[in-house]
Protein backbone atom coordinates (compact mmCIF):
# COMPACT_ATOMS: atom_id res chain seq x y z
CA MET A 1 -26.08 7.95 39.02
CA ARG A 2 -29.03 8.64 41.12
CA THR A 3 -31.23 6.13 39.24
CA ALA A 4 -28.67 3.37 39.77
CA ARG A 5 -28.70 3.94 43.59
CA TRP A 6 -32.40 4.08 43.74
CA THR A 7 -32.78 0.91 41.54
CA ALA A 8 -30.20 -0.93 43.85
CA ALA A 9 -32.10 0.26 46.91
CA ALA A 10 -35.41 -0.82 45.46
CA ALA A 11 -34.17 -4.22 44.48
CA THR A 12 -32.69 -4.79 47.99
CA ALA A 13 -36.09 -3.77 49.63
CA ALA A 14 -37.88 -6.09 47.30
CA LEU A 15 -35.65 -9.06 48.13
CA PHE A 16 -36.23 -8.52 51.86
CA ALA A 17 -39.95 -8.18 51.34
CA ALA A 18 -39.94 -11.66 49.77
CA VAL A 19 -38.72 -13.32 53.06
CA PRO A 20 -41.61 -14.91 54.93
CA ALA A 21 -42.83 -13.05 57.91
CA THR A 22 -41.97 -15.86 60.29
CA ALA A 23 -38.25 -15.83 59.35
CA THR A 24 -35.86 -13.97 61.52
CA ALA A 25 -32.30 -13.28 60.47
CA VAL A 26 -30.70 -13.40 63.97
CA ALA A 27 -32.28 -14.62 67.33
CA ALA A 28 -31.70 -12.61 70.41
CA PRO A 29 -28.88 -14.00 72.67
CA ALA A 30 -31.28 -15.23 75.19
CA GLU A 31 -33.50 -16.94 72.81
CA ALA A 32 -30.65 -18.64 71.06
CA ALA A 33 -29.15 -20.00 74.27
CA SER A 34 -32.38 -21.42 75.60
CA ALA A 35 -33.46 -22.90 72.31
CA ALA A 36 -30.02 -24.71 71.65
CA ALA A 37 -29.68 -26.07 75.18
CA PRO A 38 -30.42 -29.74 75.09
CA THR A 39 -32.19 -31.59 77.92
CA THR A 40 -30.36 -33.92 80.18
CA ALA A 41 -32.39 -36.88 78.98
CA ALA A 42 -31.38 -36.11 75.41
CA THR A 43 -27.60 -36.07 76.23
CA THR A 44 -27.25 -39.18 78.40
CA VAL A 45 -26.27 -42.52 76.92
CA ALA A 46 -26.79 -46.01 78.65
CA TRP A 47 -23.86 -48.18 79.61
CA SER A 48 -23.66 -51.58 81.00
CA ALA A 49 -21.28 -54.41 81.85
CA SER A 50 -21.48 -57.88 83.61
CA TYR A 51 -19.36 -60.70 84.93
CA GLY A 52 -21.46 -63.75 83.89
CA THR A 53 -24.75 -63.80 85.98
CA ALA A 54 -23.10 -63.07 89.24
CA ALA A 55 -22.48 -59.28 89.00
CA SER A 56 -23.56 -56.51 86.66
CA ALA A 57 -23.15 -52.69 86.45
CA SER A 58 -25.22 -50.27 84.62
CA GLY A 59 -25.98 -46.54 84.39
CA THR A 60 -25.76 -43.46 82.24
CA ARG A 61 -22.89 -41.41 80.86
CA TRP A 62 -22.61 -37.96 79.34
CA THR A 63 -19.98 -35.26 78.59
CA GLU A 64 -19.87 -31.88 80.45
CA THR A 65 -17.58 -28.98 80.93
CA SER A 66 -14.60 -29.86 83.16
CA SER A 67 -14.94 -28.53 86.82
CA GLY A 68 -11.89 -26.29 85.93
CA GLY A 69 -13.78 -24.67 83.22
CA PHE A 70 -11.44 -25.85 80.50
CA GLY A 71 -12.03 -29.01 78.35
CA THR A 72 -14.61 -31.79 78.74
CA ASP A 73 -15.22 -34.52 81.19
CA LEU A 74 -16.82 -37.89 80.55
CA VAL A 75 -19.23 -38.54 83.53
CA LEU A 76 -20.50 -41.95 84.43
CA THR A 77 -23.06 -42.81 87.13
CA GLY A 78 -24.73 -45.97 87.90
CA THR A 79 -24.94 -49.12 90.10
CA LEU A 80 -22.82 -52.20 90.54
CA THR A 81 -24.94 -55.18 91.83
CA ASN A 82 -23.78 -58.47 93.20
CA THR A 83 -26.11 -61.43 93.47
CA GLY A 84 -23.62 -63.86 95.15
CA ALA A 85 -21.02 -64.08 97.98
CA GLY A 86 -17.83 -63.04 96.08
CA CYS A 87 -16.28 -59.70 95.54
CA TYR A 88 -16.69 -57.77 92.25
CA ALA A 89 -15.45 -54.40 91.02
CA VAL A 90 -16.15 -51.90 88.08
CA TRP A 91 -12.97 -50.87 86.30
CA THR A 92 -12.41 -48.38 83.54
CA ARG A 93 -9.50 -47.95 81.21
CA TYR A 94 -8.78 -45.12 78.78
CA THR A 95 -6.61 -44.56 75.72
CA PHE A 96 -5.51 -40.96 75.07
CA ASP A 97 -4.26 -40.13 71.54
CA PHE A 98 -3.38 -43.84 70.96
CA THR A 99 -1.59 -43.90 74.42
CA PRO A 100 -3.05 -46.42 76.78
CA GLY A 101 -3.63 -45.12 80.34
CA PRO A 102 -3.90 -47.18 83.59
CA THR A 103 -7.07 -49.05 84.63
CA THR A 104 -8.89 -47.60 87.53
CA LYS A 105 -11.22 -49.31 90.11
CA GLN A 106 -14.42 -47.33 90.34
CA ALA A 107 -16.52 -49.26 92.71
CA GLU A 108 -16.32 -52.62 94.55
CA ILE A 109 -18.76 -54.83 96.42
CA CYS A 110 -18.34 -58.00 98.46
CA GLY A 111 -21.39 -60.04 99.05
CA ALA A 112 -24.88 -59.58 97.88
CA GLY A 113 -26.17 -56.01 97.33
CA SER A 114 -25.59 -52.76 95.35
CA VAL A 115 -23.28 -49.91 95.40
CA ALA A 116 -23.04 -46.67 93.54
CA VAL A 117 -20.57 -46.15 90.46
CA ASN A 118 -19.53 -42.58 89.97
CA ALA A 119 -16.58 -41.73 87.75
CA ARG A 120 -15.19 -38.63 85.96
CA GLN A 121 -12.41 -38.57 83.38
CA TYR A 122 -10.98 -35.78 81.25
CA TYR A 123 -12.24 -36.42 77.68
CA LYS A 124 -11.05 -35.44 74.19
CA TYR A 125 -12.34 -36.62 70.80
CA THR A 126 -9.34 -38.91 70.42
CA THR A 127 -10.03 -40.61 73.83
CA THR A 128 -11.49 -44.03 73.85
CA GLY A 129 -12.74 -45.67 77.01
CA SER A 130 -14.03 -49.02 78.22
CA ILE A 131 -15.60 -50.43 81.36
CA ALA A 132 -15.79 -53.96 82.76
CA VAL A 133 -16.98 -55.88 85.84
CA CYS A 134 -14.05 -58.00 87.27
CA LYS A 135 -13.56 -60.23 90.23
CA GLY A 136 -12.71 -57.93 93.04
CA GLY A 137 -10.02 -58.05 95.86
CA THR A 138 -7.17 -57.36 93.41
CA THR A 139 -5.04 -54.29 92.58
CA SER A 140 -5.49 -54.78 88.80
CA PRO A 141 -8.27 -56.31 86.71
CA THR A 142 -7.16 -59.83 85.59
CA ASP A 143 -10.48 -61.89 85.66
CA CYS A 144 -13.18 -59.72 83.89
CA GLY A 145 -16.35 -59.88 81.82
CA THR A 146 -16.35 -58.41 78.42
CA TRP A 147 -14.92 -54.87 78.30
CA GLN A 148 -17.65 -52.55 76.93
CA SER A 149 -17.04 -49.19 75.17
CA ILE A 150 -18.04 -46.12 76.96
CA THR A 151 -16.94 -43.56 74.31
CA HIS A 152 -19.12 -44.61 71.33
CA TRP A 153 -21.50 -41.62 70.88
CA PRO A 154 -24.98 -41.11 69.95
CA ILE A 155 -24.37 -37.95 72.07
């Protein structure tokens, strides 16, 4: 009986001795957290939309923990630029679990210049979203450039 225990212990010791010296079984909590945390540049994705050549919007998007600490938000930042005299706006629309939500105006500019675009929306993996630049001055987007996806992910 003693021989069987000693043989099992020796076999286990030999198995662990075969592991390369650089390998570690478990990283310390601080090491694991810092090594796994991606940089902001690695987690952002570019977005853009336009209305012909008159107005365009572009920026970056990413996901982060909701301000309430539960769930995830999709965050968009960027700039809406108008090269002419008309009014243009950036609109977003989301579908949640196959249920369409309302369209929301995120920024508007009248006349030449640029304005900031900042938007935040609760996000789940079943959420799809789009963004477009539309003629402004309305309460709903009726005359828009092509709607662009903002929830396709290389993130």
